[in-house]
Amino acid sequence: MALRWLQVVLTAGWMSLAATASHGAEGVPAPAVSPPVYVSDFDLDVSDVKPDSGRVQQARRLAGGLLPHGPLHSQEDPQAHAREIIEEMSEALTADLTKAGVDVHRLAPGASVPANGWQVRGVFLSVDEGNRMRRAVVGFGAGQGDLQVAVAIDDLSKAGRTPLYENVESETKDKPGAVIKLNPYVIAAKFVLSGRDEHAMIKNAAQQISDATVQRIRGNDAVQK
């Protein structure tokens, strides 16, 4: 009789522990999932100057070091070269964000922006001798100062989307690239693109932008919790 009573008590105790554990598990909230990130192609202008041909093109090649250097100078067609730079930046940024565990998607040009999540957008810039920011220009003879990229990381759940910048002055023949002013109402970070190795320059910049994006969205998640 005593043995049977002990069995009943032990059984009741285990059932009580199981019920408590089950209730505790149900009460623990599931880990929050960060909202998706949408990467838009960055703005980059193209020079109206057409590629040289024949003797002129040969002379440019022979001139070598006398010609302007930098990632935006190339014998390649400016339109194609600009597309390559934009594509490489978007692909590198998307890959870096994916490695960081972010649910990231590329937005096609002209595609509608979703109502929730985050958007990463930017513009390539050059800084002239007057310390004014101009939209960077890809093309032959397009003089450049310090090359930078301004990036905004926008919370899409907030109403409205403010333009990243505004044009202040149009480009001229001797000053390629329109003078712009970043919108003070947009939180934008600037990254310097240094070096003559175009691929390494873009890769390094994309990594920095990815790190800033992860810090922004995860920091925002921590505040909301």
C-alpha atoms as a PDB file:
ATOM      1  CA  MET A   1       0.000   0.000   0.000  1.00  0.00           C
ATOM      2  CA  ALA A   2       2.789   2.373   0.955  1.00  0.00           C
ATOM      3  CA  LEU A   3       4.638   1.492  -2.248  1.00  0.00           C
ATOM      4  CA  ARG A   4       1.559   2.223  -4.366  1.00  0.00           C
ATOM      5  CA  TRP A   5       1.080   5.568  -2.603  1.00  0.00           C
ATOM      6  CA  LEU A   6       4.704   6.483  -3.360  1.00  0.00           C
ATOM      7  CA  GLN A   7       4.211   5.646  -7.028  1.00  0.00           C
ATOM      8  CA  VAL A   8       1.156   7.884  -7.195  1.00  0.00           C
ATOM      9  CA  VAL A   9       3.060  10.777  -5.578  1.00  0.00           C
ATOM     10  CA  LEU A  10       6.027  10.404  -7.937  1.00  0.00           C
ATOM     11  CA  THR A  11       3.752  10.212 -10.980  1.00  0.00           C
ATOM     12  CA  ALA A  12       1.905  13.340  -9.916  1.00  0.00           C
ATOM     13  CA  GLY A  13       5.204  15.126  -9.342  1.00  0.00           C
ATOM     14  CA  TRP A  14       6.530  14.276 -12.815  1.00  0.00           C
ATOM     15  CA  MET A  15       3.262  15.415 -14.400  1.00  0.00           C
ATOM     16  CA  SER A  16       3.495  18.692 -12.522  1.00  0.00           C
ATOM     17  CA  LEU A  17       7.101  19.254 -13.640  1.00  0.00           C
ATOM     18  CA  ALA A  18       6.217  18.415 -17.248  1.00  0.00           C
ATOM     19  CA  ALA A  19       3.304  20.846 -17.213  1.00  0.00           C
ATOM     20  CA  THR A  20       5.494  23.598 -15.733  1.00  0.00           C
ATOM     21  CA  ALA A  21       8.224  23.025 -18.300  1.00  0.00           C
ATOM     22  CA  SER A  22       5.694  23.073 -21.140  1.00  0.00           C
ATOM     23  CA  HIS A  23       4.146  26.290 -19.888  1.00  0.00           C
ATOM     24  CA  GLY A  24       7.592  27.872 -19.532  1.00  0.00           C
ATOM     25  CA  ALA A  25       8.540  26.933 -23.093  1.00  0.00           C
ATOM     26  CA  GLU A  26       5.329  28.419 -24.436  1.00  0.00           C
ATOM     27  CA  GLY A  27       5.954  31.611 -22.498  1.00  0.00           C
ATOM     28  CA  VAL A  28       9.401  32.184 -24.049  1.00  0.00           C
ATOM     29  CA  PRO A  29       9.019  34.464 -27.097  1.00  0.00           C
ATOM     30  CA  ALA A  30      10.556  33.348 -30.372  1.00  0.00           C
ATOM     31  CA  PRO A  31      13.703  35.232 -31.353  1.00  0.00           C
ATOM     32  CA  ALA A  32      12.905  38.357 -33.355  1.00  0.00           C
ATOM     33  CA  VAL A  33      13.657  38.210 -37.075  1.00  0.00           C
ATOM     34  CA  SER A  34      15.261  41.286 -38.576  1.00  0.00           C
ATOM     35  CA  PRO A  35      13.249  42.818 -41.432  1.00  0.00           C
ATOM     36  CA  PRO A  36      14.546  42.359 -44.992  1.00  0.00           C
ATOM     37  CA  VAL A  37      17.043  44.742 -46.577  1.00  0.00           C
ATOM     38  CA  TYR A  38      16.631  45.990 -50.158  1.00  0.00           C
ATOM     39  CA  VAL A  39      19.683  47.195 -52.087  1.00  0.00           C
ATOM     40  CA  SER A  40      19.126  49.752 -54.860  1.00  0.00           C
ATOM     41  CA  ASP A  41      21.712  50.475 -57.563  1.00  0.00           C
ATOM     42  CA  PHE A  42      23.804  53.516 -56.668  1.00  0.00           C
ATOM     43  CA  ASP A  43      23.699  56.629 -58.876  1.00  0.00           C
ATOM     44  CA  LEU A  44      26.639  57.126 -61.234  1.00  0.00           C
ATOM     45  CA  ASP A  45      26.835  59.530 -64.181  1.00  0.00           C
ATOM     46  CA  VAL A  46      28.360  58.896 -67.599  1.00  0.00           C
ATOM     47  CA  SER A  47      30.379  61.361 -69.676  1.00  0.00           C
ATOM     48  CA  ASP A  48      29.024  62.459 -73.045  1.00  0.00           C
ATOM     49  CA  VAL A  49      32.532  62.122 -74.519  1.00  0.00           C
ATOM     50  CA  LYS A  50      32.747  59.213 -76.955  1.00  0.00           C
ATOM     51  CA  PRO A  51      35.671  56.758 -77.092  1.00  0.00           C
ATOM     52  CA  ASP A  52      38.540  57.837 -79.331  1.00  0.00           C
ATOM     53  CA  SER A  53      39.412  55.825 -82.404  1.00  0.00           C
ATOM     54  CA  GLY A  54      42.293  55.331 -84.830  1.00  0.00           C
ATOM     55  CA  ARG A  55      45.393  57.449 -84.304  1.00  0.00           C
ATOM     56  CA  VAL A  56      43.908  59.449 -81.465  1.00  0.00           C
ATOM     57  CA  GLN A  57      43.145  56.327 -79.437  1.00  0.00           C
ATOM     58  CA  GLN A  58      46.625  54.972 -80.148  1.00  0.00           C
ATOM     59  CA  ALA A  59      48.153  58.254 -79.011  1.00  0.00           C
ATOM     60  CA  ARG A  60      46.196  58.070 -75.775  1.00  0.00           C
ATOM     61  CA  ARG A  61      47.508  54.572 -75.106  1.00  0.00           C
ATOM     62  CA  LEU A  62      51.082  55.628 -75.828  1.00  0.00           C
ATOM     63  CA  ALA A  63      50.722  58.680 -73.582  1.00  0.00           C
ATOM     64  CA  GLY A  64      50.241  56.325 -70.629  1.00  0.00           C
ATOM     65  CA  GLY A  65      51.089  58.199 -67.432  1.00  0.00           C
ATOM     66  CA  LEU A  66      50.280  61.593 -68.952  1.00  0.00           C
ATOM     67  CA  LEU A  67      46.585  60.782 -69.005  1.00  0.00           C
ATOM     68  CA  PRO A  68      44.315  61.030 -65.983  1.00  0.00           C
ATOM     69  CA  HIS A  69      44.358  57.948 -63.772  1.00  0.00           C
ATOM     70  CA  GLY A  70      41.763  56.453 -61.491  1.00  0.00           C
ATOM     71  CA  PRO A  71      38.950  53.901 -61.475  1.00  0.00           C
ATOM     72  CA  LEU A  72      36.601  56.042 -63.555  1.00  0.00           C
ATOM     73  CA  HIS A  73      39.085  56.474 -66.427  1.00  0.00           C
ATOM     74  CA  SER A  74      39.105  53.689 -68.987  1.00  0.00           C
ATOM     75  CA  GLN A  75      39.368  53.026 -72.704  1.00  0.00           C
ATOM     76  CA  GLU A  76      36.134  51.093 -72.315  1.00  0.00           C
ATOM     77  CA  ASP A  77      32.797  52.487 -73.449  1.00  0.00           C
ATOM     78  CA  PRO A  78      31.608  54.782 -70.614  1.00  0.00           C
ATOM     79  CA  GLN A  79      28.082  53.370 -70.534  1.00  0.00           C
ATOM     80  CA  ALA A  80      29.349  49.797 -70.230  1.00  0.00           C
ATOM     81  CA  HIS A  81      31.977  50.755 -67.672  1.00  0.00           C
ATOM     82  CA  ALA A  82      29.459  52.612 -65.504  1.00  0.00           C
ATOM     83  CA  ARG A  83      27.129  49.613 -65.620  1.00  0.00           C
ATOM     84  CA  GLU A  84      29.973  47.343 -64.501  1.00  0.00           C
ATOM     85  CA  ILE A  85      30.800  49.578 -61.533  1.00  0.00           C
ATOM     86  CA  ILE A  86      27.153  49.783 -60.448  1.00  0.00           C
ATOM     87  CA  GLU A  87      26.662  46.022 -60.857  1.00  0.00           C
ATOM     88  CA  GLU A  88      29.831  45.170 -58.971  1.00  0.00           C
ATOM     89  CA  MET A  89      28.928  47.419 -56.058  1.00  0.00           C
ATOM     90  CA  SER A  90      25.384  46.010 -55.780  1.00  0.00           C
ATOM     91  CA  GLU A  91      26.581  42.408 -56.052  1.00  0.00           C
ATOM     92  CA  ALA A  92      29.412  42.854 -53.536  1.00  0.00           C
ATOM     93  CA  LEU A  93      27.133  44.626 -51.057  1.00  0.00           C
ATOM     94  CA  THR A  94      24.433  41.963 -51.409  1.00  0.00           C
ATOM     95  CA  ALA A  95      26.993  39.179 -50.914  1.00  0.00           C
ATOM     96  CA  ASP A  96      28.481  40.827 -47.803  1.00  0.00           C
ATOM     97  CA  LEU A  97      25.048  41.341 -46.241  1.00  0.00           C
ATOM     98  CA  THR A  98      24.142  37.722 -46.973  1.00  0.00           C
ATOM     99  CA  LYS A  99      27.323  36.548 -45.220  1.00  0.00           C
ATOM    100  CA  ALA A 100      26.276  38.642 -42.222  1.00  0.00           C
ATOM    101  CA  GLY A 101      23.013  36.714 -42.006  1.00  0.00           C
ATOM    102  CA  VAL A 102      20.806  39.458 -43.423  1.00  0.00           C
ATOM    103  CA  ASP A 103      17.727  38.706 -45.537  1.00  0.00           C
ATOM    104  CA  VAL A 104      18.800  40.870 -48.472  1.00  0.00           C
ATOM    105  CA  HIS A 105      17.272  41.487 -51.908  1.00  0.00           C
ATOM    106  CA  ARG A 106      18.330  43.616 -54.879  1.00  0.00           C
ATOM    107  CA  LEU A 107      15.784  46.077 -56.191  1.00  0.00           C
ATOM    108  CA  ALA A 108      15.610  46.298 -59.967  1.00  0.00           C
ATOM    109  CA  PRO A 109      15.829  49.845 -61.377  1.00  0.00           C
ATOM    110  CA  GLY A 110      12.350  51.357 -61.409  1.00  0.00           C
ATOM    111  CA  ALA A 111      10.896  48.676 -59.129  1.00  0.00           C
ATOM    112  CA  SER A 112       8.511  49.793 -56.399  1.00  0.00           C
ATOM    113  CA  VAL A 113       9.981  49.985 -52.917  1.00  0.00           C
ATOM    114  CA  PRO A 114       8.299  47.686 -50.336  1.00  0.00           C
ATOM    115  CA  ALA A 115       6.446  49.231 -47.402  1.00  0.00           C
ATOM    116  CA  ASN A 116       8.490  47.417 -44.747  1.00  0.00           C
ATOM    117  CA  GLY A 117      12.129  46.605 -44.185  1.00  0.00           C
ATOM    118  CA  TRP A 118      15.202  48.685 -44.964  1.00  0.00           C
ATOM    119  CA  GLN A 119      16.537  50.220 -48.158  1.00  0.00           C
ATOM    120  CA  VAL A 120      20.196  50.883 -48.920  1.00  0.00           C
ATOM    121  CA  ARG A 121      20.730  53.537 -51.619  1.00  0.00           C
ATOM    122  CA  GLY A 122      23.645  55.745 -52.564  1.00  0.00           C
ATOM    123  CA  VAL A 123      25.432  58.013 -55.022  1.00  0.00           C
ATOM    124  CA  PHE A 124      29.035  58.048 -56.237  1.00  0.00           C
ATOM    125  CA  LEU A 125      30.671  61.418 -55.599  1.00  0.00           C
ATOM    126  CA  SER A 126      33.821  63.332 -56.437  1.00  0.00           C
ATOM    127  CA  VAL A 127      35.057  66.276 -54.400  1.00  0.00           C
ATOM    128  CA  ASP A 128      36.461  69.148 -56.472  1.00  0.00           C
ATOM    129  CA  GLU A 129      39.167  71.652 -55.589  1.00  0.00           C
ATOM    130  CA  GLY A 130      36.565  73.900 -54.005  1.00  0.00           C
ATOM    131  CA  ASN A 131      35.580  71.057 -51.657  1.00  0.00           C
ATOM    132  CA  ARG A 132      32.207  70.806 -53.370  1.00  0.00           C
ATOM    133  CA  MET A 133      30.541  67.453 -53.916  1.00  0.00           C
ATOM    134  CA  ARG A 134      29.772  66.490 -57.498  1.00  0.00           C
ATOM    135  CA  ARG A 135      28.123  63.401 -58.910  1.00  0.00           C
ATOM    136  CA  ALA A 136      30.994  61.218 -60.088  1.00  0.00           C
ATOM    137  CA  VAL A 137      31.296  60.785 -63.856  1.00  0.00           C
ATOM    138  CA  VAL A 138      32.593  57.786 -65.805  1.00  0.00           C
ATOM    139  CA  GLY A 139      34.193  58.705 -69.095  1.00  0.00           C
ATOM    140  CA  PHE A 140      37.201  59.799 -71.037  1.00  0.00           C
ATOM    141  CA  GLY A 141      38.916  62.834 -69.641  1.00  0.00           C
ATOM    142  CA  ALA A 142      36.367  63.141 -66.818  1.00  0.00           C
ATOM    143  CA  GLY A 143      38.516  64.780 -64.179  1.00  0.00           C
ATOM    144  CA  GLN A 144      37.932  63.513 -60.647  1.00  0.00           C
ATOM    145  CA  GLY A 145      39.008  64.639 -57.208  1.00  0.00           C
ATOM    146  CA  ASP A 146      38.608  62.447 -54.142  1.00  0.00           C
ATOM    147  CA  LEU A 147      36.142  59.692 -54.974  1.00  0.00           C
ATOM    148  CA  GLN A 148      33.486  58.906 -52.374  1.00  0.00           C
ATOM    149  CA  VAL A 149      30.098  57.273 -52.063  1.00  0.00           C
ATOM    150  CA  ALA A 150      27.282  58.654 -49.923  1.00  0.00           C
ATOM    151  CA  VAL A 151      24.903  56.021 -48.591  1.00  0.00           C
ATOM    152  CA  ALA A 152      21.505  56.214 -46.886  1.00  0.00           C
ATOM    153  CA  ILE A 153      19.978  53.331 -44.918  1.00  0.00           C
ATOM    154  CA  ASP A 154      16.247  54.022 -44.743  1.00  0.00           C
ATOM    155  CA  ASP A 155      13.622  52.477 -42.472  1.00  0.00           C
ATOM    156  CA  LEU A 156      10.796  51.750 -44.930  1.00  0.00           C
ATOM    157  CA  SER A 157       8.189  51.440 -42.174  1.00  0.00           C
ATOM    158  CA  LYS A 158       8.331  55.205 -41.730  1.00  0.00           C
ATOM    159  CA  ALA A 159       6.119  57.275 -43.996  1.00  0.00           C
ATOM    160  CA  GLY A 160       7.672  59.041 -46.981  1.00  0.00           C
ATOM    161  CA  ARG A 161      11.109  58.762 -48.545  1.00  0.00           C
ATOM    162  CA  THR A 162      13.218  61.903 -48.698  1.00  0.00           C
ATOM    163  CA  PRO A 163      15.548  62.400 -51.715  1.00  0.00           C
ATOM    164  CA  LEU A 164      19.152  61.591 -50.859  1.00  0.00           C
ATOM    165  CA  TYR A 165      20.479  64.779 -52.458  1.00  0.00           C
ATOM    166  CA  GLU A 166      19.551  67.791 -54.555  1.00  0.00           C
ATOM    167  CA  ASN A 167      21.310  69.289 -57.573  1.00  0.00           C
ATOM    168  CA  VAL A 168      22.824  72.685 -56.841  1.00  0.00           C
ATOM    169  CA  GLU A 169      24.643  73.423 -60.099  1.00  0.00           C
ATOM    170  CA  SER A 170      24.697  71.700 -63.480  1.00  0.00           C
ATOM    171  CA  GLU A 171      27.897  70.247 -64.901  1.00  0.00           C
ATOM    172  CA  THR A 172      29.992  72.232 -67.391  1.00  0.00           C
ATOM    173  CA  LYS A 173      32.511  71.221 -70.053  1.00  0.00           C
ATOM    174  CA  ASP A 174      35.485  71.852 -67.773  1.00  0.00           C
ATOM    175  CA  LYS A 175      33.706  70.640 -64.608  1.00  0.00           C
ATOM    176  CA  PRO A 176      32.084  67.240 -65.210  1.00  0.00           C
ATOM    177  CA  GLY A 177      29.425  66.110 -62.775  1.00  0.00           C
ATOM    178  CA  ALA A 178      26.610  68.178 -61.310  1.00  0.00           C
ATOM    179  CA  VAL A 179      27.279  69.882 -57.969  1.00  0.00           C
ATOM    180  CA  ILE A 180      25.005  68.365 -55.334  1.00  0.00           C
ATOM    181  CA  LYS A 181      24.115  68.832 -51.681  1.00  0.00           C
ATOM    182  CA  LEU A 182      23.175  65.926 -49.445  1.00  0.00           C
ATOM    183  CA  ASN A 183      19.758  66.285 -47.866  1.00  0.00           C
ATOM    184  CA  PRO A 184      20.216  67.121 -44.149  1.00  0.00           C
ATOM    185  CA  TYR A 185      17.036  65.195 -43.341  1.00  0.00           C
ATOM    186  CA  VAL A 186      18.574  61.940 -44.585  1.00  0.00           C
ATOM    187  CA  ILE A 187      21.032  60.051 -42.407  1.00  0.00           C
ATOM    188  CA  ALA A 188      23.831  59.480 -44.926  1.00  0.00           C
ATOM    189  CA  ALA A 189      27.311  58.102 -44.364  1.00  0.00           C
ATOM    190  CA  LYS A 190      30.212  58.871 -46.700  1.00  0.00           C
ATOM    191  CA  PHE A 191      32.907  56.361 -47.577  1.00  0.00           C
ATOM    192  CA  VAL A 192      36.156  57.231 -49.357  1.00  0.00           C
ATOM    193  CA  LEU A 193      37.035  55.036 -52.334  1.00  0.00           C
ATOM    194  CA  SER A 194      40.811  55.072 -52.533  1.00  0.00           C
ATOM    195  CA  GLY A 195      43.347  53.342 -54.770  1.00  0.00           C
ATOM    196  CA  ARG A 196      43.624  52.628 -58.483  1.00  0.00           C
ATOM    197  CA  ASP A 197      42.505  49.003 -58.306  1.00  0.00           C
ATOM    198  CA  GLU A 198      38.834  49.402 -59.167  1.00  0.00           C
ATOM    199  CA  HIS A 199      37.742  45.943 -58.031  1.00  0.00           C
ATOM    200  CA  ALA A 200      39.526  46.148 -54.675  1.00  0.00           C
ATOM    201  CA  MET A 201      38.186  49.678 -54.148  1.00  0.00           C
ATOM    202  CA  ILE A 202      34.585  48.613 -54.699  1.00  0.00           C
ATOM    203  CA  LYS A 203      34.999  45.464 -52.594  1.00  0.00           C
ATOM    204  CA  ASN A 204      36.396  47.417 -49.646  1.00  0.00           C
ATOM    205  CA  ALA A 205      33.684  50.067 -49.869  1.00  0.00           C
ATOM    206  CA  ALA A 206      30.943  47.431 -50.085  1.00  0.00           C
ATOM    207  CA  GLN A 207      32.251  45.742 -46.936  1.00  0.00           C
ATOM    208  CA  GLN A 208      32.222  49.034 -45.039  1.00  0.00           C
ATOM    209  CA  ILE A 209      28.692  49.795 -46.205  1.00  0.00           C
ATOM    210  CA  SER A 210      27.571  46.280 -45.243  1.00  0.00           C
ATOM    211  CA  ASP A 211      29.042  46.677 -41.740  1.00  0.00           C
ATOM    212  CA  ALA A 212      27.286  50.027 -41.305  1.00  0.00           C
ATOM    213  CA  THR A 213      23.992  48.548 -42.525  1.00  0.00           C
ATOM    214  CA  VAL A 214      24.160  45.597 -40.128  1.00  0.00           C
ATOM    215  CA  GLN A 215      24.982  47.908 -37.231  1.00  0.00           C
ATOM    216  CA  ARG A 216      22.076  50.186 -38.116  1.00  0.00           C
ATOM    217  CA  ILE A 217      19.354  47.558 -38.515  1.00  0.00           C
ATOM    218  CA  ARG A 218      20.432  45.419 -35.566  1.00  0.00           C
ATOM    219  CA  GLY A 219      20.954  48.418 -33.367  1.00  0.00           C
ATOM    220  CA  ASN A 220      17.464  49.559 -34.264  1.00  0.00           C
ATOM    221  CA  ASP A 221      16.093  46.086 -33.395  1.00  0.00           C
ATOM    222  CA  ALA A 222      17.755  46.266 -29.976  1.00  0.00           C
ATOM    223  CA  VAL A 223      16.148  49.663 -29.294  1.00  0.00           C
ATOM    224  CA  GLN A 224      12.712  48.355 -30.266  1.00  0.00           C
ATOM    225  CA  LYS A 225      13.055  45.362 -27.935  1.00  0.00           C
END
